Amino acid sequence: MAKPRARDPEETPPFERVQALVKRIPRGRVATYGQLSRMIDGRLTPVGVGWAIRAASDAIPWQRVVGAKGRISTEREHPGLQREMLESEGVRFDDEGRVDLERHGWEPSVR
């Protein structure tokens, strides 16, 4: 029986690509919606990236994705939850409620 052909990452649907990337973000690190959009060659806007994360199961670390300036993005739906989860991983916030992206930003070595 022939081996199934590996799917080219470019052929993978964008929601799946985003979800796979979010799974790779390590504890104590964050990525932004725009960063994830760029990592999939703009196949989804940052808003579309948010929809891809929202459509995922709870098995992905959704809390590790923040806004462009390091701000929490889920405050209306889950007040305090995202910040609490990130702080439990060692992520620190400044006085204005932003994550220091220089310190806690995720830079994958390979897509």
Protein backbone atom coordinates (compact mmCIF):
# COMPACT_ATOMS: atom_id res chain seq x y z
CA MET A 1 0.00 0.00 0.00
CA ALA A 2 1.37 3.41 -0.93
CA LYS A 3 2.24 5.90 1.77
CA PRO A 4 -0.07 8.90 1.88
CA ARG A 5 1.55 12.01 0.46
CA ALA A 6 2.48 14.59 3.10
CA ARG A 7 0.40 17.71 2.73
CA ASP A 8 2.31 20.83 1.73
CA PRO A 9 1.88 23.46 4.47
CA GLU A 10 0.68 25.88 1.79
CA GLU A 11 -2.20 23.48 1.06
CA THR A 12 -3.23 23.27 4.71
CA PRO A 13 -6.35 25.35 5.39
CA PRO A 14 -5.48 28.63 7.15
CA PHE A 15 -7.52 27.86 10.29
CA GLU A 16 -5.54 24.63 10.75
CA ARG A 17 -2.24 26.45 10.18
CA VAL A 18 -3.08 29.06 12.82
CA GLN A 19 -4.17 26.41 15.31
CA ALA A 20 -0.95 24.43 14.74
CA LEU A 21 1.13 27.55 15.34
CA VAL A 22 -0.72 28.44 18.53
CA LYS A 23 -0.02 24.94 19.85
CA ARG A 24 3.71 25.64 19.40
CA ILE A 25 3.79 28.81 21.55
CA PRO A 26 5.63 27.78 24.72
CA ARG A 27 4.57 28.58 28.28
CA GLY A 28 5.64 32.05 29.31
CA ARG A 29 5.61 33.35 25.72
CA VAL A 30 3.03 35.16 23.61
CA ALA A 31 2.41 35.87 19.94
CA THR A 32 0.25 38.55 18.38
CA TYR A 33 -2.63 38.09 15.97
CA GLY A 34 -0.72 40.06 13.34
CA GLN A 35 2.40 37.96 13.83
CA LEU A 36 0.41 34.77 13.28
CA SER A 37 -1.21 36.32 10.21
CA ARG A 38 2.23 37.05 8.74
CA MET A 39 3.40 33.53 9.58
CA ILE A 40 0.67 32.11 7.33
CA ASP A 41 1.56 34.56 4.57
CA GLY A 42 -1.45 36.78 5.23
CA ARG A 43 -3.97 34.11 4.27
CA LEU A 44 -6.04 35.44 7.19
CA THR A 45 -6.13 38.95 8.60
CA PRO A 46 -5.41 39.37 12.32
CA VAL A 47 -9.19 39.32 12.86
CA GLY A 48 -9.38 36.06 10.87
CA VAL A 49 -6.64 34.63 13.08
CA GLY A 50 -8.87 35.42 16.05
CA TRP A 51 -11.72 33.52 14.42
CA ALA A 52 -9.42 30.54 13.77
CA ILE A 53 -8.45 30.49 17.45
CA ARG A 54 -12.06 30.86 18.56
CA ALA A 55 -13.06 27.94 16.30
CA ALA A 56 -10.43 25.65 17.85
CA SER A 57 -11.02 23.25 20.65
CA ASP A 58 -9.90 24.17 24.14
CA ALA A 59 -6.82 22.05 23.53
CA ILE A 60 -4.86 25.02 22.17
CA PRO A 61 -3.27 27.64 24.43
CA TRP A 62 -5.44 30.51 23.16
CA GLN A 63 -4.40 32.70 26.09
CA ARG A 64 -0.91 33.04 24.56
CA VAL A 65 -2.18 35.23 21.71
CA VAL A 66 -2.47 38.95 22.42
CA GLY A 67 -3.07 42.18 20.55
CA ALA A 68 -0.37 44.04 18.62
CA LYS A 69 0.65 46.19 21.57
CA GLY A 70 0.65 43.30 24.03
CA ARG A 71 -2.87 43.93 25.26
CA ILE A 72 -5.30 41.27 26.40
CA SER A 73 -7.90 40.61 23.73
CA THR A 74 -10.59 38.62 25.54
CA GLU A 75 -11.54 40.98 28.34
CA ARG A 76 -15.19 41.35 27.27
CA GLU A 77 -15.86 37.61 27.05
CA HIS A 78 -13.74 36.45 30.00
CA PRO A 79 -12.80 39.34 32.32
CA GLY A 80 -9.42 38.70 33.93
CA LEU A 81 -9.10 35.09 32.73
CA GLN A 82 -6.47 35.55 30.00
CA ARG A 83 -4.27 37.73 32.20
CA GLU A 84 -4.59 35.29 35.10
CA MET A 85 -3.63 32.36 32.87
CA LEU A 86 -0.62 34.21 31.44
CA GLU A 87 0.57 35.37 34.85
CA SER A 88 0.42 31.77 36.07
CA GLU A 89 2.90 30.98 33.26
CA GLY A 90 5.26 33.76 34.38
CA VAL A 91 4.19 36.44 31.90
CA ARG A 92 4.38 39.90 33.43
CA PHE A 93 2.32 42.97 32.61
CA ASP A 94 3.22 46.65 32.84
CA ASP A 95 1.19 49.27 34.71
CA GLU A 96 -1.00 49.78 31.66
CA GLY A 97 -1.87 46.08 31.36
CA ARG A 98 0.43 45.25 28.45
CA VAL A 99 2.74 42.29 28.02
CA ASP A 100 6.36 43.23 27.35
CA LEU A 101 6.66 41.74 23.86
CA GLU A 102 10.44 42.13 23.87
CA ARG A 103 10.67 39.92 26.94
CA HIS A 104 7.77 37.51 26.43
CA GLY A 105 7.30 37.53 22.64
CA TRP A 106 7.63 34.21 20.82
CA GLU A 107 9.99 34.02 17.88
CA PRO A 108 9.87 30.54 16.37
CA SER A 109 13.05 29.35 14.76
CA VAL A 110 11.23 27.45 12.01
CA ARG A 111 7.70 27.84 10.69
